[in-house]
Every structure is written in structure tokens, then in C-alpha cells.
Amino acid sequence: MRHNDRAASAPWIRTRLRTAPGTATALAVLVLVTAFLAAAFPRAVDAYGTKGLRHDILTADAGRSTLEVARPQPGLELPQAQRDEEARSPELARVGAGLLKALPAPLRADTSSVAYGVRTSKPAVANEPWLPRPEAAPPKLTYVAQSGLKKHATLASGAWPTTPQEVTSDSRAVQGAVTEETAAELKVKVGATIALLTAAQEPITVTITGIVAPRDPQGSYWSSDPLLRTPSLVLDTASPFPVHYWTGTVLLAEGSGPALLSTAAEPVLFWRIPPDPAGLTGPDDVRLASVIASLESGPGLLKVRRIAGDTAVFATGLGHIVEANARMRDAISPVIAVAALGIGSVAAVVLLMTGALIAGRRKAELALMRSRGGSLRGIGGRLLAETAVTVLPASALGLLLATLVVGEGRFWPGALAAAGVGLLVCVALPLRTTLQHIRPTLHGAREDMVSARPSRRRTVAELTLLVLAVGAVTALRRRGTSAEGGTDLLVSAAPVLVALIAALVLVRIYPLPLRLATRPVARLRGA
């Protein structure tokens, strides 16, 4: 019996599709469009969130977005050779590589702009007479031996600074360079020398061998510390009078870091890691904020200190950028929820109305089958198979088109939305049709809006919707669209519920004038 039933189901489906190809095609097109829109909406929201997060990180000041790991100079209790070795480029590069590998997902580094080296954290006074003194105050300069200078700059004049011999803490002569802006403002020329005093007040002669021009002045290499490329005229806060002085940076040769360890300018070892937002997505903001918090003061910081040293600190303003982006998304999420519920409700109503029209056209056919002994299970199963053959491929095609059109976005929200469309049509149409034929019916008087009377179940459903609408409107008036812990779906559904109640009231009132109009002719012959 089961084999015969299976064999008979295929001719039924083929016969129905052949006898009513227009209806099947129209339903497939409707489901295709609806599934496409349903799948594209969450993907579009994700795509816009992704673009917003990436835009905020890319356009933020590099000093805020860059990840910086820094630690003080090696302890004075260590042997000098060990202190010098920790400040040399090979050791700094090794630590930098370890930090890059230790970055937890979804945080990723822009390896093309990673920089490391040794810098002075306290500006040192430069007493050379040829340096400008706007208000008789000598300039204060910082010195940095940073990696990648030749990669991120072009030589405007002179020669690149080098280390003719190995530099140690005892070295008293190093080479350096300045940017074109620094050279113009501070009157620095190729061949000039600047004295940097050690802690023992011995001078380290810094010879300016070249003037360089940044390749990307706004990139993280130069903008993480703007003084690298542009000097600044600042106010001396220690002076009782308003006195301004120049401050700028001298770029030492990459291997000159050990020489700075002997100065009193508080040298620090640093690693600057700019983030790469290309792999970030909008939904990653929560994980990203958690990862940054862990690196600043949590398990992530302990891992950083195992790599860079026990005194290393992690600093970045990226967390504030991510939090600002999250606040903006939270502010617009109620609007998105209202739009999603509104559009989704309209789409669901259209699909249900289409199913009702199809069920109405086949009411007589199915009533005949029911009166001849057809079971509800058999009729419902055939309708489900007939509908699924048309609807499921259309839903899958809509999901595929949405995935191709909206490239960036999570897959599963769109897949669930498209599956919901297909499931709604597959279940609603057979269910609507079979429920009309729970009991066999005979062909009788025509039912229309004038003579039809609402059932008690319909009245209960309408009253339930009315209570929900009143509650949603009341909540909306009391607290607005904002809700703690996320979007309030009841408040977001208020416009839809109000519109639905208005439609139900219209359906309730509409038959009344028709009944009044039919009373004069109700007793006439033929009426």
C-alpha cells in the first residue's frame, strides 16, 4: 500500500503543475522575490555595520587606533651587554613577531606598517645656537631609533643615517635624519650636529646626515606620533610666563637604540602595531571590545608581558572607537527593528493572502475530494508536496541571489529568513486549505461578507491582537524606542500592530453598510 501511495503521488504533482502552470509560476515568483528580500535584509544590515566599523577605524587618528606595547629600558642591574642586546633591532624584531602571533582574533595587524625601536619619552633640551628660539626658549627634542625608515620615507637630500660600527651604551656618536617639515621649521641642514647629554652629562653627538620625506604622511607609521614628521610650537607649562618653544623628533639610524640607554631622557622600548580592519565585520564589535579590554588589563596583558617583558604595558584608543561605533549601532537598531518588522509583516500578509486566494479557487475541488472519503492527512500531504515542489526551489534561489548581490554578511540570518519564507508558504497553504474541510461540506448558499458571521475564535484572536497593540503603544509612549539590553520587539511592533488593528476594525465595519443596503431588496422576488 505504501509503495502504491508513493507511486500515485508523483502523477498528482505533475498533473497539478501541468493543469495550473500560471498559478505555480506566479507563486514561485512571489516566493522568490520575498525570499530574496528576506535574505538580503539581514545581510545588508551586516554589510552596513561592517563598512561603518571599518570606516571608523580607518578614518580615526592613528594615535588612537594603533596598538602600542612599551616597556622601560632594561634594568640597570643587568649586565651592559644584555641591556644593549635587548635594545638592538634583532631582539626587538623577535619580540614584535611574537606579539603579532599573540594577537587574538578578530584583532589583526597591518604588518606593512608595524614599527618598533627605542625612543626617549622625555624631551631633551637642545642648546645649539643655530636652533630657533621664538621666545628665547631653546627647543626640546625627542630621539627615536625606529625600524622601517627607508621603507616609509624617501631621501630628499643627504644620505640615510647608518651605524658604521656596532652601537653600544658607551657610544658617543650616532647618525640621524629629520623630515622636511622639521628641517624647515628648526633650520636643520645636512651635516648639522646636535648634542644629546647622557645621565653622566657626557654629550652624544648626533650628526644629521639626511633629510627625508614621508611616503604616506597620514599613515600610521608617521601619524602614531605626529612629532615624527611635523614639529610643534608648544607652551611651556613650567614657566610662570607664557613662553613657547619648539619640539620635534630626530630619527636615528635603526641600530642606534643602545646609545639612548645611557641618556637621562627616560628611554623606552616600543612596538607599534596598526590594526587591519579589512577582516573585521560589524558583528565582531563585541568580541573586539572584549579582546582589547583583555589586552589592556586582563589575561591578554599577561600574555603580552610573557613576550615583551614583565614591565610591558599595552595602550590603544581602539576600544573607544569600537565602543563609539557600537553606541551608534545601538541608537539606530530600534529604527532597523521597526523597518524589519514592518516589511516582514507586509510580506507575510501578502503570502497569506495569496495562499487564501489559491485555497479559495480550489475549495470546490477539495470539498468534492473530502465528500468522497478523502482524509485530511492525505489531502494535506498532497497539498504540501505540491506546494513544496514549487516553493522550496524558489526560496533557495532567492537565498542564492541575496548571497551574490550582498556579498558581505553572515550567512545564517539570511538563510533562516529565506527558510522562514518557504516554511510559511509550505505550511500555511495546506493548513489553510485543509482546515476548511475538517467536516465534509455540501454545495449550498453563497457566502459573502454580507452574510458571513465572524467566529468566536476569530473574535478571541482579534481581541488578543488589540491587547498587544495597546500594550505596545503604551510602552512606546512611556519609554520610547530605547530599551536596556537590546531592542524591544513589542515596542518595535507597535506600528504594525496598530495598522493590523485598524485593518481588522475596517473588516468588521465594512459589512454593516452593505447589510443596510440589502435590507430594502431582501424580501423582493428573486432576492
Foldseek 3Di string as FASTA:
>chain_A
DVVVVVVVLVVLLVVVCVVCVPLLVVLLVLLLVQLLVLLLLQLVVQQVLLVVLQVLQVPDFLLFQKKKKKFFQPDPVDDQVVSLVCQFDVNFVQLLVVVQVLQDPPWHFPVVQKKWGKKFPAWAFWPDPQWDFPFPGTETEIEIQMPDPVVFKAFPDFDAWDDPDQAALPAQEFEWEAEPQCCVNGVDDQQDWTWAAFPVRDTRIYGHGTYIHGPDCRDSNCRSPVLRHHKDWDFDPVDPDGGTYIYHYIHTHNRNRNNCVRHPSRMMIMIITRTDSPPPISVCLVVVLVSVVCCQPRVVVVSSCVSSHVRMGIDHNSNVSSVVSVVVCQVCVLVSLLVSLVVVVVSLVVLLVSLVVVLVVCQVVVLVVVVVPDDLVVQLVSLLVSLCVSNVVSLVSSLVVSCVVSVGGDNVSSNVSSVVSSVSNSPSNSVVNSVVPPDRDDDDDDDDLQPDDDDPVVVVVLVVLVVLLVVLVVVCVPPNQDDPPHGDSSVSCNVVSVVVNVVVVCSVCVNVVVNVVCVVVVPPPPD
